[in-house]
C-alpha cells in the first residue's frame, strides 16, 4: 500500500485524489491505509454497514 501513491504519481500525474473505501469495522485494513498516508475524508452508510472513504 505504501507504494500506491508513488505509483499513481508517476503513471497518472494528472490524478489529484485517490479514493479508497473500507468498512469501519475492518481495523487492520484501516491501519494499513493510514500507515500508507491515506486519511479519512468522509464516511457513508452502505449495504454492508458504515464505511470510510
N, C-alpha and C. Protein backbone atom coordinates (compact mmCIF):
# COMPACT_ATOMS: atom_id res chain seq x y z
N UNK A 1 0.82 -1.20 0.00
CA UNK A 1 0.00 0.00 0.00
C UNK A 1 0.86 1.25 0.00
N UNK A 2 2.01 1.20 0.62
CA UNK A 2 2.84 2.39 0.69
C UNK A 2 3.37 2.82 -0.67
N UNK A 3 3.40 1.91 -1.62
CA UNK A 3 3.90 2.22 -2.96
C UNK A 3 2.83 2.80 -3.88
N UNK A 4 1.57 2.66 -3.50
CA UNK A 4 0.47 3.10 -4.38
C UNK A 4 0.52 4.59 -4.69
N UNK A 5 0.66 5.48 -3.71
CA UNK A 5 0.69 6.91 -4.05
C UNK A 5 1.82 7.27 -5.02
N UNK A 6 2.99 6.69 -4.83
CA UNK A 6 4.12 6.97 -5.72
C UNK A 6 3.84 6.42 -7.12
N UNK A 7 3.30 5.23 -7.19
CA UNK A 7 2.96 4.63 -8.48
C UNK A 7 1.97 5.52 -9.24
N UNK A 8 0.95 5.97 -8.56
CA UNK A 8 -0.07 6.82 -9.20
C UNK A 8 0.56 8.14 -9.65
N UNK A 9 1.41 8.73 -8.82
CA UNK A 9 2.06 9.99 -9.19
C UNK A 9 2.89 9.84 -10.46
N UNK A 10 3.59 8.73 -10.56
CA UNK A 10 4.45 8.50 -11.73
C UNK A 10 3.66 8.19 -12.99
N UNK A 11 2.67 7.33 -12.87
CA UNK A 11 1.97 6.83 -14.05
C UNK A 11 0.69 7.59 -14.40
N UNK A 12 0.16 8.30 -13.45
CA UNK A 12 -1.05 9.09 -13.67
C UNK A 12 -0.87 10.48 -13.07
N UNK A 13 0.08 11.27 -13.58
CA UNK A 13 0.42 12.55 -12.95
C UNK A 13 -0.73 13.54 -12.87
N UNK A 14 -1.75 13.37 -13.69
CA UNK A 14 -2.90 14.28 -13.65
C UNK A 14 -3.84 13.98 -12.48
N UNK A 15 -3.63 12.86 -11.81
CA UNK A 15 -4.50 12.46 -10.70
C UNK A 15 -4.28 13.37 -9.50
N UNK A 16 -5.36 13.92 -8.99
CA UNK A 16 -5.28 14.80 -7.83
C UNK A 16 -5.71 14.12 -6.54
N UNK A 17 -6.52 13.06 -6.68
CA UNK A 17 -7.04 12.42 -5.47
C UNK A 17 -7.35 10.97 -5.76
N UNK A 18 -7.09 10.12 -4.79
CA UNK A 18 -7.47 8.71 -4.87
C UNK A 18 -8.51 8.46 -3.79
N UNK A 19 -9.43 7.58 -4.09
CA UNK A 19 -10.47 7.26 -3.12
C UNK A 19 -10.43 5.78 -2.80
N UNK A 20 -10.28 5.47 -1.53
CA UNK A 20 -10.34 4.10 -1.05
C UNK A 20 -11.53 3.99 -0.11
N UNK A 21 -12.18 2.87 -0.12
CA UNK A 21 -13.32 2.66 0.77
C UNK A 21 -13.04 1.41 1.59
N UNK A 22 -13.27 1.51 2.90
CA UNK A 22 -13.04 0.39 3.80
C UNK A 22 -14.15 0.36 4.85
N UNK A 23 -14.59 -0.84 5.19
CA UNK A 23 -15.58 -0.99 6.25
C UNK A 23 -14.94 -0.55 7.56
N UNK A 24 -15.61 0.29 8.31
CA UNK A 24 -15.05 0.81 9.56
C UNK A 24 -14.71 -0.28 10.56
N UNK A 25 -15.38 -1.40 10.49
CA UNK A 25 -15.08 -2.49 11.42
C UNK A 25 -13.79 -3.23 11.08
N UNK A 26 -13.25 -2.99 9.88
CA UNK A 26 -12.02 -3.65 9.46
C UNK A 26 -10.82 -2.81 9.91
N UNK A 27 -10.49 -2.94 11.18
CA UNK A 27 -9.44 -2.11 11.78
C UNK A 27 -8.07 -2.36 11.16
N UNK A 28 -7.78 -3.58 10.80
CA UNK A 28 -6.48 -3.89 10.19
C UNK A 28 -6.32 -3.16 8.86
N UNK A 29 -7.35 -3.20 8.04
CA UNK A 29 -7.28 -2.51 6.75
C UNK A 29 -7.15 -1.01 6.95
N UNK A 30 -7.88 -0.47 7.89
CA UNK A 30 -7.79 0.96 8.17
C UNK A 30 -6.37 1.35 8.58
N UNK A 31 -5.73 0.53 9.42
CA UNK A 31 -4.36 0.81 9.85
C UNK A 31 -3.39 0.77 8.67
N UNK A 32 -3.57 -0.20 7.78
CA UNK A 32 -2.71 -0.30 6.60
C UNK A 32 -2.81 0.98 5.78
N UNK A 33 -4.03 1.42 5.51
CA UNK A 33 -4.24 2.63 4.72
C UNK A 33 -3.64 3.86 5.43
N UNK A 34 -3.87 3.97 6.73
CA UNK A 34 -3.36 5.12 7.47
C UNK A 34 -1.83 5.14 7.48
N UNK A 35 -1.21 3.99 7.65
CA UNK A 35 0.26 3.92 7.63
C UNK A 35 0.83 4.28 6.26
N UNK A 36 0.04 4.06 5.22
CA UNK A 36 0.47 4.41 3.87
C UNK A 36 0.24 5.89 3.57
N UNK A 37 -0.35 6.62 4.52
CA UNK A 37 -0.53 8.06 4.35
C UNK A 37 -1.92 8.50 3.95
N UNK A 38 -2.85 7.56 3.82
CA UNK A 38 -4.22 7.94 3.47
C UNK A 38 -4.94 8.46 4.71
N UNK A 39 -5.85 9.40 4.51
CA UNK A 39 -6.61 9.96 5.62
C UNK A 39 -8.11 9.85 5.34
N UNK A 40 -8.89 9.82 6.40
CA UNK A 40 -10.34 9.77 6.28
C UNK A 40 -10.83 11.15 5.89
N UNK A 41 -11.59 11.21 4.79
CA UNK A 41 -12.15 12.50 4.36
C UNK A 41 -13.66 12.50 4.43
N UNK A 42 -14.26 11.30 4.54
CA UNK A 42 -15.72 11.22 4.59
C UNK A 42 -16.12 9.84 5.11
N UNK A 43 -17.33 9.74 5.58
CA UNK A 43 -17.92 8.44 5.95
C UNK A 43 -19.27 8.35 5.27
N UNK A 44 -19.70 7.11 5.04
CA UNK A 44 -21.02 6.92 4.43
C UNK A 44 -21.58 5.58 4.87
N UNK A 45 -22.87 5.45 4.76
CA UNK A 45 -23.58 4.22 5.11
C UNK A 45 -23.85 3.46 3.82
N UNK A 46 -23.50 2.17 3.80
CA UNK A 46 -23.72 1.35 2.61
C UNK A 46 -24.47 0.08 2.96
N UNK A 47 -24.63 -0.80 1.99
CA UNK A 47 -25.35 -2.05 2.20
C UNK A 47 -24.74 -2.90 3.31
N UNK A 48 -23.39 -2.87 3.40
CA UNK A 48 -22.70 -3.70 4.37
C UNK A 48 -22.42 -2.97 5.67
N UNK A 49 -22.94 -1.79 5.81
CA UNK A 49 -22.71 -1.01 7.02
C UNK A 49 -21.90 0.23 6.73
N UNK A 50 -21.46 0.86 7.79
CA UNK A 50 -20.76 2.12 7.70
C UNK A 50 -19.37 1.94 7.10
N UNK A 51 -19.00 2.82 6.17
CA UNK A 51 -17.70 2.77 5.51
C UNK A 51 -17.03 4.13 5.57
N UNK A 52 -15.72 4.12 5.46
CA UNK A 52 -14.94 5.35 5.39
C UNK A 52 -14.40 5.48 4.00
N UNK A 53 -14.30 6.70 3.51
CA UNK A 53 -13.68 6.92 2.21
C UNK A 53 -12.85 8.19 2.27
